[in-house]
């Protein structure tokens, strides 16, 4: 069974608390995991950001919303019980509880007042889904913005001059940890013979050299013959390591080919190039930074 969204968890969670006893969030996680027939792999699945387990996060947000609506009461850190209002809801025997259901309570309306959904309007929130937790919506929005940025970057790179592209290749490689010596930029992109576009040191101490091939192709797929020619050029130079960077893509045959080589050739297509530019701050600038924090449990341990 797929991991339920946090709204689907609300009614089962309230039902668990319906016995009137105090419950811990850990107990609720175990009971709900069994209720939804989740495998151990599903229980351990992380959010896209990797910051928390997906199921745990959804259960905590279900509990949070039920608490803000007055259906659950907090009785200490990580512990809760049902309120009289929650008992009344269970007597109604609702088929489900979701945000629309909870909006009958003024406290919950106040919580949602000024939220992203209401501030943006119903027609402009394609990436904001009520059934998702705030973290999931934040992750989805971030991925959407990042994908758009990758596409814009790649379009820019494809449209720049070949001289600019060669300098860009150097900056990206240096940013990822290669090179760093003063003469690196002078040794790349100078029309070298033998099918090699340039050389960059593997590290700042220059223990080894990495040979570079750069193809600024708008759309053409780089096939095995082109990559094979680069490998042959490397062999002529007795080179052991190479990087082939293109603004387009590599064929499956080309990718399979480099796996068979004794020497190491890394293939970087246009999509990966744009990702590296973002990851290492090449050609991009920060517009806004949002820091998401959570309670440090170790801080509150009394010993």
C-alpha atoms as a PDB file:
ATOM      1  CA  UNK A   1       0.000   0.000   0.000  1.00  0.00           C
ATOM      2  CA  UNK A   2       1.260   3.485  -0.858  1.00  0.00           C
ATOM      3  CA  UNK A   3       2.085   5.909   1.937  1.00  0.00           C
ATOM      4  CA  UNK A   4      -1.147   7.844   2.651  1.00  0.00           C
ATOM      5  CA  UNK A   5      -1.189  11.634   2.483  1.00  0.00           C
ATOM      6  CA  UNK A   6      -1.481  13.489   5.756  1.00  0.00           C
ATOM      7  CA  UNK A   7      -5.209  14.172   5.336  1.00  0.00           C
ATOM      8  CA  UNK A   8      -5.920  10.449   4.940  1.00  0.00           C
ATOM      9  CA  UNK A   9      -4.116   9.945   8.260  1.00  0.00           C
ATOM     10  CA  UNK A  10      -6.316  12.379  10.219  1.00  0.00           C
ATOM     11  CA  UNK A  11      -9.366  10.181  10.855  1.00  0.00           C
ATOM     12  CA  UNK A  12      -7.389   7.009  11.724  1.00  0.00           C
ATOM     13  CA  UNK A  13      -5.225   9.069  14.089  1.00  0.00           C
ATOM     14  CA  UNK A  14      -8.279  10.560  15.801  1.00  0.00           C
ATOM     15  CA  UNK A  15      -9.805   7.094  16.019  1.00  0.00           C
ATOM     16  CA  UNK A  16      -6.698   5.778  17.788  1.00  0.00           C
ATOM     17  CA  UNK A  17      -7.059   8.561  20.338  1.00  0.00           C
ATOM     18  CA  UNK A  18     -10.765   7.776  20.665  1.00  0.00           C
ATOM     19  CA  UNK A  19     -10.085   5.451  23.610  1.00  0.00           C
ATOM     20  CA  UNK A  20      -9.565   8.587  25.736  1.00  0.00           C
ATOM     21  CA  UNK A  21      -6.066   7.559  26.813  1.00  0.00           C
ATOM     22  CA  UNK A  22      -2.806   9.438  26.425  1.00  0.00           C
ATOM     23  CA  UNK A  23      -0.818   8.425  23.375  1.00  0.00           C
ATOM     24  CA  UNK A  24       2.725   9.089  22.225  1.00  0.00           C
ATOM     25  CA  UNK A  25       3.573   9.982  18.653  1.00  0.00           C
ATOM     26  CA  UNK A  26       5.802   6.879  18.562  1.00  0.00           C
ATOM     27  CA  UNK A  27       2.883   4.631  19.448  1.00  0.00           C
ATOM     28  CA  UNK A  28       0.735   6.370  16.844  1.00  0.00           C
ATOM     29  CA  UNK A  29       3.379   5.799  14.178  1.00  0.00           C
ATOM     30  CA  UNK A  30       3.469   2.084  14.909  1.00  0.00           C
ATOM     31  CA  UNK A  31      -0.312   1.703  15.035  1.00  0.00           C
ATOM     32  CA  UNK A  32      -0.887   3.751  11.889  1.00  0.00           C
ATOM     33  CA  UNK A  33       1.870   1.934  10.036  1.00  0.00           C
ATOM     34  CA  UNK A  34       0.086  -1.325  10.780  1.00  0.00           C
ATOM     35  CA  UNK A  35      -3.301   0.228   9.941  1.00  0.00           C
ATOM     36  CA  UNK A  36      -2.081   1.199   6.472  1.00  0.00           C
ATOM     37  CA  UNK A  37      -0.149  -2.048   5.934  1.00  0.00           C
ATOM     38  CA  UNK A  38       3.094  -0.189   5.317  1.00  0.00           C
ATOM     39  CA  UNK A  39       6.242  -2.169   4.670  1.00  0.00           C
ATOM     40  CA  UNK A  40       9.428  -1.403   6.580  1.00  0.00           C
ATOM     41  CA  UNK A  41      10.821   0.173   3.428  1.00  0.00           C
ATOM     42  CA  UNK A  42       7.797   2.485   3.194  1.00  0.00           C
ATOM     43  CA  UNK A  43       8.099   3.425   6.861  1.00  0.00           C
ATOM     44  CA  UNK A  44      11.757   4.333   6.360  1.00  0.00           C
ATOM     45  CA  UNK A  45      11.260   6.238   3.086  1.00  0.00           C
ATOM     46  CA  UNK A  46      12.704   9.743   3.266  1.00  0.00           C
ATOM     47  CA  UNK A  47      11.292  12.995   1.963  1.00  0.00           C
ATOM     48  CA  UNK A  48      12.897  14.308  -1.242  1.00  0.00           C
ATOM     49  CA  UNK A  49      14.972  16.689   0.885  1.00  0.00           C
ATOM     50  CA  UNK A  50      16.196  13.739   2.975  1.00  0.00           C
ATOM     51  CA  UNK A  51      15.508  15.661   6.181  1.00  0.00           C
ATOM     52  CA  UNK A  52      12.850  13.375   7.648  1.00  0.00           C
ATOM     53  CA  UNK A  53      10.943  10.146   7.068  1.00  0.00           C
ATOM     54  CA  UNK A  54       7.967  10.829   4.831  1.00  0.00           C
ATOM     55  CA  UNK A  55       5.404   8.849   6.840  1.00  0.00           C
ATOM     56  CA  UNK A  56       6.571  10.291  10.180  1.00  0.00           C
ATOM     57  CA  UNK A  57       6.325  13.813   8.801  1.00  0.00           C
ATOM     58  CA  UNK A  58       2.786  13.252   7.541  1.00  0.00           C
ATOM     59  CA  UNK A  59       1.641  11.792  10.857  1.00  0.00           C
ATOM     60  CA  UNK A  60       3.064  14.742  12.788  1.00  0.00           C
ATOM     61  CA  UNK A  61       1.318  17.220  10.508  1.00  0.00           C
ATOM     62  CA  UNK A  62      -1.970  15.321  10.820  1.00  0.00           C
ATOM     63  CA  UNK A  63      -1.637  15.541  14.584  1.00  0.00           C
ATOM     64  CA  UNK A  64      -0.732  19.253  14.348  1.00  0.00           C
ATOM     65  CA  UNK A  65      -3.819  20.142  12.289  1.00  0.00           C
ATOM     66  CA  UNK A  66      -6.112  18.054  14.485  1.00  0.00           C
ATOM     67  CA  UNK A  67      -4.677  19.856  17.492  1.00  0.00           C
ATOM     68  CA  UNK A  68      -5.145  23.302  15.960  1.00  0.00           C
ATOM     69  CA  UNK A  69      -8.761  22.412  15.213  1.00  0.00           C
ATOM     70  CA  UNK A  70      -9.225  21.455  18.866  1.00  0.00           C
ATOM     71  CA  UNK A  71      -9.814  17.746  18.251  1.00  0.00           C
ATOM     72  CA  UNK A  72      -6.626  16.651  20.004  1.00  0.00           C
ATOM     73  CA  UNK A  73      -4.969  18.057  23.118  1.00  0.00           C
ATOM     74  CA  UNK A  74      -1.263  18.096  23.892  1.00  0.00           C
ATOM     75  CA  UNK A  75      -0.360  16.565  27.251  1.00  0.00           C
ATOM     76  CA  UNK A  76       3.410  16.957  27.085  1.00  0.00           C
ATOM     77  CA  UNK A  77       6.233  16.624  24.615  1.00  0.00           C
ATOM     78  CA  UNK A  78       5.236  14.113  21.932  1.00  0.00           C
ATOM     79  CA  UNK A  79       2.059  13.063  23.777  1.00  0.00           C
ATOM     80  CA  UNK A  80      -1.599  13.809  23.086  1.00  0.00           C
ATOM     81  CA  UNK A  81      -5.153  12.740  23.835  1.00  0.00           C
ATOM     82  CA  UNK A  82      -8.549  13.330  22.306  1.00  0.00           C
ATOM     83  CA  UNK A  83     -10.629  16.337  23.350  1.00  0.00           C
ATOM     84  CA  UNK A  84     -14.381  16.484  23.891  1.00  0.00           C
ATOM     85  CA  UNK A  85     -14.673  18.131  20.497  1.00  0.00           C
ATOM     86  CA  UNK A  86     -12.761  15.220  18.995  1.00  0.00           C
ATOM     87  CA  UNK A  87     -15.109  12.744  20.690  1.00  0.00           C
ATOM     88  CA  UNK A  88     -18.066  14.617  19.229  1.00  0.00           C
ATOM     89  CA  UNK A  89     -16.555  14.334  15.771  1.00  0.00           C
ATOM     90  CA  UNK A  90     -16.129  10.577  16.111  1.00  0.00           C
ATOM     91  CA  UNK A  91     -19.810  10.310  17.093  1.00  0.00           C
ATOM     92  CA  UNK A  92     -20.650  11.882  13.726  1.00  0.00           C
ATOM     93  CA  UNK A  93     -18.901   8.917  12.065  1.00  0.00           C
ATOM     94  CA  UNK A  94     -17.386  10.993   9.244  1.00  0.00           C
ATOM     95  CA  UNK A  95     -16.086   9.164   6.197  1.00  0.00           C
ATOM     96  CA  UNK A  96     -12.929  11.254   6.258  1.00  0.00           C
ATOM     97  CA  UNK A  97     -11.370  14.297   7.891  1.00  0.00           C
ATOM     98  CA  UNK A  98      -9.479  16.800   5.774  1.00  0.00           C
ATOM     99  CA  UNK A  99      -8.693  20.521   5.791  1.00  0.00           C
ATOM    100  CA  UNK A 100     -12.124  21.348   4.383  1.00  0.00           C
ATOM    101  CA  UNK A 101     -13.708  19.460   7.293  1.00  0.00           C
ATOM    102  CA  UNK A 102     -11.522  21.227   9.872  1.00  0.00           C
ATOM    103  CA  UNK A 103     -12.386  24.674   8.529  1.00  0.00           C
ATOM    104  CA  UNK A 104     -15.668  24.474  10.446  1.00  0.00           C
ATOM    105  CA  UNK A 105     -13.629  25.432  13.520  1.00  0.00           C
ATOM    106  CA  UNK A 106     -12.585  29.102  13.966  1.00  0.00           C
ATOM    107  CA  UNK A 107      -9.212  28.151  15.455  1.00  0.00           C
ATOM    108  CA  UNK A 108      -8.302  26.205  12.325  1.00  0.00           C
ATOM    109  CA  UNK A 109      -9.533  28.992  10.054  1.00  0.00           C
ATOM    110  CA  UNK A 110      -7.238  31.377  11.887  1.00  0.00           C
ATOM    111  CA  UNK A 111      -4.327  29.003  11.359  1.00  0.00           C
ATOM    112  CA  UNK A 112      -4.913  28.919   7.620  1.00  0.00           C
ATOM    113  CA  UNK A 113      -5.596  32.628   7.290  1.00  0.00           C
ATOM    114  CA  UNK A 114      -2.904  34.186   5.168  1.00  0.00           C
ATOM    115  CA  UNK A 115      -1.547  30.789   4.095  1.00  0.00           C
ATOM    116  CA  UNK A 116       0.038  30.281   0.712  1.00  0.00           C
ATOM    117  CA  UNK A 117      -3.141  28.782  -0.693  1.00  0.00           C
ATOM    118  CA  UNK A 118      -5.364  31.701   0.325  1.00  0.00           C
ATOM    119  CA  UNK A 119      -2.812  34.399  -0.411  1.00  0.00           C
ATOM    120  CA  UNK A 120      -2.137  33.122  -3.922  1.00  0.00           C
ATOM    121  CA  UNK A 121      -5.729  32.238  -4.807  1.00  0.00           C
ATOM    122  CA  UNK A 122      -7.099  28.982  -6.093  1.00  0.00           C
ATOM    123  CA  UNK A 123      -6.013  29.438  -9.705  1.00  0.00           C
ATOM    124  CA  UNK A 124      -2.315  30.110  -9.143  1.00  0.00           C
ATOM    125  CA  UNK A 125      -1.277  27.317  -6.789  1.00  0.00           C
ATOM    126  CA  UNK A 126      -0.393  24.499  -9.171  1.00  0.00           C
ATOM    127  CA  UNK A 127       2.508  23.420  -6.957  1.00  0.00           C
ATOM    128  CA  UNK A 128       0.623  23.775  -3.661  1.00  0.00           C
ATOM    129  CA  UNK A 129      -1.620  20.833  -2.862  1.00  0.00           C
ATOM    130  CA  UNK A 130      -3.838  20.793   0.239  1.00  0.00           C
ATOM    131  CA  UNK A 131      -3.237  17.049   0.687  1.00  0.00           C
ATOM    132  CA  UNK A 132       0.511  17.635   1.043  1.00  0.00           C
ATOM    133  CA  UNK A 133       2.331  18.749   4.171  1.00  0.00           C
ATOM    134  CA  UNK A 134       4.063  22.159   4.163  1.00  0.00           C
ATOM    135  CA  UNK A 135       7.452  20.468   3.782  1.00  0.00           C
ATOM    136  CA  UNK A 136       6.221  18.444   0.810  1.00  0.00           C
ATOM    137  CA  UNK A 137       4.786  21.552  -0.842  1.00  0.00           C
ATOM    138  CA  UNK A 138       8.052  23.382  -0.148  1.00  0.00           C
ATOM    139  CA  UNK A 139      10.045  20.531  -1.693  1.00  0.00           C
ATOM    140  CA  UNK A 140       7.742  20.445  -4.725  1.00  0.00           C
ATOM    141  CA  UNK A 141       7.977  24.204  -5.229  1.00  0.00           C
ATOM    142  CA  UNK A 142      11.755  24.110  -4.860  1.00  0.00           C
ATOM    143  CA  UNK A 143      12.068  21.325  -7.443  1.00  0.00           C
ATOM    144  CA  UNK A 144       9.775  23.234  -9.808  1.00  0.00           C
ATOM    145  CA  UNK A 145      11.866  26.417  -9.483  1.00  0.00           C
ATOM    146  CA  UNK A 146      15.100  24.457  -9.872  1.00  0.00           C
ATOM    147  CA  UNK A 147      13.896  22.699 -13.014  1.00  0.00           C
ATOM    148  CA  UNK A 148      12.901  26.028 -14.534  1.00  0.00           C
ATOM    149  CA  UNK A 149      16.314  27.466 -13.657  1.00  0.00           C
ATOM    150  CA  UNK A 150      18.092  24.467 -15.210  1.00  0.00           C
ATOM    151  CA  UNK A 151      16.161  24.947 -18.454  1.00  0.00           C
ATOM    152  CA  UNK A 152      16.917  28.673 -18.544  1.00  0.00           C
ATOM    153  CA  UNK A 153      20.613  28.102 -17.841  1.00  0.00           C
ATOM    154  CA  UNK A 154      20.977  25.475 -20.538  1.00  0.00           C
ATOM    155  CA  UNK A 155      19.239  27.703 -23.097  1.00  0.00           C
ATOM    156  CA  UNK A 156      21.668  30.507 -22.222  1.00  0.00           C
ATOM    157  CA  UNK A 157      24.702  28.239 -22.503  1.00  0.00           C
ATOM    158  CA  UNK A 158      23.582  26.923 -25.891  1.00  0.00           C
ATOM    159  CA  UNK A 159      23.234  30.499 -27.140  1.00  0.00           C
ATOM    160  CA  UNK A 160      26.587  31.853 -25.953  1.00  0.00           C
ATOM    161  CA  UNK A 161      29.766  31.998 -28.048  1.00  0.00           C
ATOM    162  CA  UNK A 162      32.109  29.024 -28.209  1.00  0.00           C
ATOM    163  CA  UNK A 163      34.802  31.102 -26.483  1.00  0.00           C
ATOM    164  CA  UNK A 164      32.467  31.810 -23.572  1.00  0.00           C
ATOM    165  CA  UNK A 165      31.461  28.152 -23.445  1.00  0.00           C
ATOM    166  CA  UNK A 166      35.068  27.011 -23.135  1.00  0.00           C
ATOM    167  CA  UNK A 167      35.672  29.434 -20.258  1.00  0.00           C
ATOM    168  CA  UNK A 168      32.453  28.216 -18.648  1.00  0.00           C
ATOM    169  CA  UNK A 169      33.643  24.617 -18.831  1.00  0.00           C
ATOM    170  CA  UNK A 170      36.808  25.583 -16.963  1.00  0.00           C
ATOM    171  CA  UNK A 171      34.904  27.494 -14.276  1.00  0.00           C
ATOM    172  CA  UNK A 172      32.577  24.561 -13.666  1.00  0.00           C
ATOM    173  CA  UNK A 173      35.436  22.064 -13.421  1.00  0.00           C
ATOM    174  CA  UNK A 174      37.409  24.317 -11.083  1.00  0.00           C
ATOM    175  CA  UNK A 175      34.319  24.913  -8.968  1.00  0.00           C
ATOM    176  CA  UNK A 176      33.837  21.153  -8.539  1.00  0.00           C
ATOM    177  CA  UNK A 177      37.396  20.798  -7.247  1.00  0.00           C
ATOM    178  CA  UNK A 178      39.540  20.252 -10.317  1.00  0.00           C
ATOM    179  CA  UNK A 179      42.464  22.457 -11.279  1.00  0.00           C
ATOM    180  CA  UNK A 180      42.946  25.693  -9.432  1.00  0.00           C
ATOM    181  CA  UNK A 181      46.412  26.421 -10.808  1.00  0.00           C
ATOM    182  CA  UNK A 182      47.108  29.765 -12.464  1.00  0.00           C
ATOM    183  CA  UNK A 183      47.677  28.310 -15.935  1.00  0.00           C
ATOM    184  CA  UNK A 184      44.605  26.082 -16.064  1.00  0.00           C
ATOM    185  CA  UNK A 185      42.423  28.505 -17.996  1.00  0.00           C
ATOM    186  CA  UNK A 186      45.201  29.096 -20.533  1.00  0.00           C
ATOM    187  CA  UNK A 187      45.492  25.379 -21.217  1.00  0.00           C
ATOM    188  CA  UNK A 188      41.828  24.739 -21.950  1.00  0.00           C
ATOM    189  CA  UNK A 189      39.961  25.582 -25.143  1.00  0.00           C
ATOM    190  CA  UNK A 190      42.902  26.654 -27.269  1.00  0.00           C
ATOM    191  CA  UNK A 191      42.203  24.337 -30.204  1.00  0.00           C
ATOM    192  CA  UNK A 192      44.641  21.613 -29.220  1.00  0.00           C
ATOM    193  CA  UNK A 193      45.547  18.948 -31.757  1.00  0.00           C
ATOM    194  CA  UNK A 194      44.538  15.299 -31.644  1.00  0.00           C
ATOM    195  CA  UNK A 195      40.863  15.784 -30.749  1.00  0.00           C
ATOM    196  CA  UNK A 196      41.603  17.139 -27.260  1.00  0.00           C
ATOM    197  CA  UNK A 197      40.102  20.521 -26.399  1.00  0.00           C
ATOM    198  CA  UNK A 198      42.146  21.064 -23.278  1.00  0.00           C
ATOM    199  CA  UNK A 199      43.800  19.786 -20.145  1.00  0.00           C
ATOM    200  CA  UNK A 200      43.132  20.652 -16.534  1.00  0.00           C
ATOM    201  CA  UNK A 201      44.934  19.418 -13.445  1.00  0.00           C
ATOM    202  CA  UNK A 202      43.066  16.896 -11.335  1.00  0.00           C
ATOM    203  CA  UNK A 203      43.826  18.904  -8.195  1.00  0.00           C
ATOM    204  CA  UNK A 204      45.679  22.027  -7.110  1.00  0.00           C
ATOM    205  CA  UNK A 205      48.908  20.103  -6.648  1.00  0.00           C
ATOM    206  CA  UNK A 206      48.732  18.773 -10.194  1.00  0.00           C
ATOM    207  CA  UNK A 207      49.234  15.070  -9.426  1.00  0.00           C
ATOM    208  CA  UNK A 208      47.371  14.042 -12.570  1.00  0.00           C
ATOM    209  CA  UNK A 209      45.882  15.598 -15.687  1.00  0.00           C
ATOM    210  CA  UNK A 210      42.286  15.415 -16.903  1.00  0.00           C
ATOM    211  CA  UNK A 211      41.740  15.767 -20.645  1.00  0.00           C
ATOM    212  CA  UNK A 212      38.694  17.681 -21.845  1.00  0.00           C
ATOM    213  CA  UNK A 213      36.406  17.521 -24.837  1.00  0.00           C
ATOM    214  CA  UNK A 214      33.684  20.183 -25.053  1.00  0.00           C
ATOM    215  CA  UNK A 215      30.870  20.140 -27.620  1.00  0.00           C
ATOM    216  CA  UNK A 216      28.480  23.068 -27.710  1.00  0.00           C
ATOM    217  CA  UNK A 217      25.801  21.314 -29.721  1.00  0.00           C
ATOM    218  CA  UNK A 218      22.264  22.767 -29.593  1.00  0.00           C
ATOM    219  CA  UNK A 219      20.354  19.538 -30.203  1.00  0.00           C
ATOM    220  CA  UNK A 220      22.461  16.829 -31.859  1.00  0.00           C
ATOM    221  CA  UNK A 221      22.942  13.712 -29.770  1.00  0.00           C
ATOM    222  CA  UNK A 222      26.561  12.793 -29.116  1.00  0.00           C
ATOM    223  CA  UNK A 223      26.948   9.217 -30.278  1.00  0.00           C
ATOM    224  CA  UNK A 224      29.526   6.540 -29.678  1.00  0.00           C
ATOM    225  CA  UNK A 225      31.766   7.445 -32.674  1.00  0.00           C
ATOM    226  CA  UNK A 226      32.411  10.946 -31.284  1.00  0.00           C
ATOM    227  CA  UNK A 227      33.156   9.648 -27.796  1.00  0.00           C
ATOM    228  CA  UNK A 228      35.275   6.861 -29.242  1.00  0.00           C
ATOM    229  CA  UNK A 229      37.327   9.409 -31.183  1.00  0.00           C
ATOM    230  CA  UNK A 230      37.956  11.292 -27.922  1.00  0.00           C
ATOM    231  CA  UNK A 231      39.034   8.058 -26.252  1.00  0.00           C
ATOM    232  CA  UNK A 232      41.424   7.413 -29.145  1.00  0.00           C
ATOM    233  CA  UNK A 233      42.895  10.886 -28.765  1.00  0.00           C
ATOM    234  CA  UNK A 234      43.417  10.241 -25.066  1.00  0.00           C
ATOM    235  CA  UNK A 235      45.187   6.999 -25.858  1.00  0.00           C
ATOM    236  CA  UNK A 236      47.512   8.894 -28.187  1.00  0.00           C
ATOM    237  CA  UNK A 237      48.374  11.210 -25.292  1.00  0.00           C
ATOM    238  CA  UNK A 238      48.648   8.260 -22.870  1.00  0.00           C
ATOM    239  CA  UNK A 239      45.973   9.968 -20.803  1.00  0.00           C
ATOM    240  CA  UNK A 240      44.081   7.995 -18.154  1.00  0.00           C
ATOM    241  CA  UNK A 241      41.259  10.417 -17.312  1.00  0.00           C
ATOM    242  CA  UNK A 242      38.914  12.517 -19.400  1.00  0.00           C
ATOM    243  CA  UNK A 243      35.757  14.610 -19.232  1.00  0.00           C
ATOM    244  CA  UNK A 244      33.429  14.982 -22.196  1.00  0.00           C
ATOM    245  CA  UNK A 245      31.029  17.896 -21.757  1.00  0.00           C
ATOM    246  CA  UNK A 246      28.218  18.714 -24.146  1.00  0.00           C
ATOM    247  CA  UNK A 247      25.208  21.022 -24.137  1.00  0.00           C
ATOM    248  CA  UNK A 248      23.104  18.298 -25.762  1.00  0.00           C
ATOM    249  CA  UNK A 249      22.860  14.642 -24.688  1.00  0.00           C
ATOM    250  CA  UNK A 250      24.683  11.337 -25.078  1.00  0.00           C
ATOM    251  CA  UNK A 251      23.280   8.285 -26.800  1.00  0.00           C
ATOM    252  CA  UNK A 252      22.834   5.110 -24.756  1.00  0.00           C
ATOM    253  CA  UNK A 253      25.450   3.470 -26.967  1.00  0.00           C
ATOM    254  CA  UNK A 254      27.962   6.171 -26.015  1.00  0.00           C
ATOM    255  CA  UNK A 255      27.200   5.786 -22.310  1.00  0.00           C
ATOM    256  CA  UNK A 256      27.557   2.000 -22.534  1.00  0.00           C
ATOM    257  CA  UNK A 257      30.845   2.375 -24.397  1.00  0.00           C
ATOM    258  CA  UNK A 258      32.646   4.390 -21.694  1.00  0.00           C
ATOM    259  CA  UNK A 259      31.763   1.729 -19.134  1.00  0.00           C
ATOM    260  CA  UNK A 260      33.885  -0.772 -21.069  1.00  0.00           C
ATOM    261  CA  UNK A 261      37.021   1.383 -21.164  1.00  0.00           C
ATOM    262  CA  UNK A 262      40.025   0.822 -18.950  1.00  0.00           C
ATOM    263  CA  UNK A 263      40.637   4.570 -18.819  1.00  0.00           C
ATOM    264  CA  UNK A 264      38.062   6.729 -17.050  1.00  0.00           C
ATOM    265  CA  UNK A 265      35.878   9.062 -19.118  1.00  0.00           C
ATOM    266  CA  UNK A 266      33.116  11.045 -17.406  1.00  0.00           C
ATOM    267  CA  UNK A 267      30.219  12.166 -19.620  1.00  0.00           C
ATOM    268  CA  UNK A 268      28.437  15.388 -18.673  1.00  0.00           C
ATOM    269  CA  UNK A 269      25.378  16.229 -20.762  1.00  0.00           C
ATOM    270  CA  UNK A 270      23.537  19.551 -20.902  1.00  0.00           C
ATOM    271  CA  UNK A 271      21.147  18.712 -18.083  1.00  0.00           C
ATOM    272  CA  UNK A 272      23.969  17.636 -15.772  1.00  0.00           C
ATOM    273  CA  UNK A 273      26.010  20.701 -16.731  1.00  0.00           C
ATOM    274  CA  UNK A 274      23.150  22.992 -15.701  1.00  0.00           C
ATOM    275  CA  UNK A 275      22.793  21.091 -12.414  1.00  0.00           C
ATOM    276  CA  UNK A 276      26.507  21.499 -11.659  1.00  0.00           C
ATOM    277  CA  UNK A 277      26.317  25.214 -12.436  1.00  0.00           C
ATOM    278  CA  UNK A 278      23.523  25.599  -9.877  1.00  0.00           C
ATOM    279  CA  UNK A 279      25.154  23.362  -7.257  1.00  0.00           C
ATOM    280  CA  UNK A 280      28.470  25.205  -7.447  1.00  0.00           C
ATOM    281  CA  UNK A 281      27.172  28.728  -8.055  1.00  0.00           C
ATOM    282  CA  UNK A 282      28.416  29.251 -11.602  1.00  0.00           C
ATOM    283  CA  UNK A 283      26.287  31.691 -13.611  1.00  0.00           C
ATOM    284  CA  UNK A 284      23.599  31.953 -10.935  1.00  0.00           C
ATOM    285  CA  UNK A 285      22.935  34.241  -7.982  1.00  0.00           C
ATOM    286  CA  UNK A 286      20.893  33.898  -4.805  1.00  0.00           C
ATOM    287  CA  UNK A 287      17.526  35.648  -4.873  1.00  0.00           C
ATOM    288  CA  UNK A 288      16.230  34.514  -1.480  1.00  0.00           C
ATOM    289  CA  UNK A 289      17.291  31.997   1.149  1.00  0.00           C
ATOM    290  CA  UNK A 290      14.775  30.242   3.391  1.00  0.00           C
ATOM    291  CA  UNK A 291      16.135  28.342   6.367  1.00  0.00           C
ATOM    292  CA  UNK A 292      13.853  25.566   7.637  1.00  0.00           C
ATOM    293  CA  UNK A 293      14.518  24.619  11.251  1.00  0.00           C
ATOM    294  CA  UNK A 294      13.162  22.140  13.762  1.00  0.00           C
ATOM    295  CA  UNK A 295      13.477  21.579  17.498  1.00  0.00           C
ATOM    296  CA  UNK A 296      16.856  20.248  18.633  1.00  0.00           C
ATOM    297  CA  UNK A 297      15.804  17.373  20.888  1.00  0.00           C
ATOM    298  CA  UNK A 298      19.318  16.975  22.318  1.00  0.00           C
ATOM    299  CA  UNK A 299      19.214  20.555  23.606  1.00  0.00           C
ATOM    300  CA  UNK A 300      16.289  19.768  25.898  1.00  0.00           C
ATOM    301  CA  UNK A 301      17.751  16.595  27.389  1.00  0.00           C
ATOM    302  CA  UNK A 302      18.337  17.102  31.084  1.00  0.00           C
ATOM    303  CA  UNK A 303      21.183  15.137  32.520  1.00  0.00           C
END
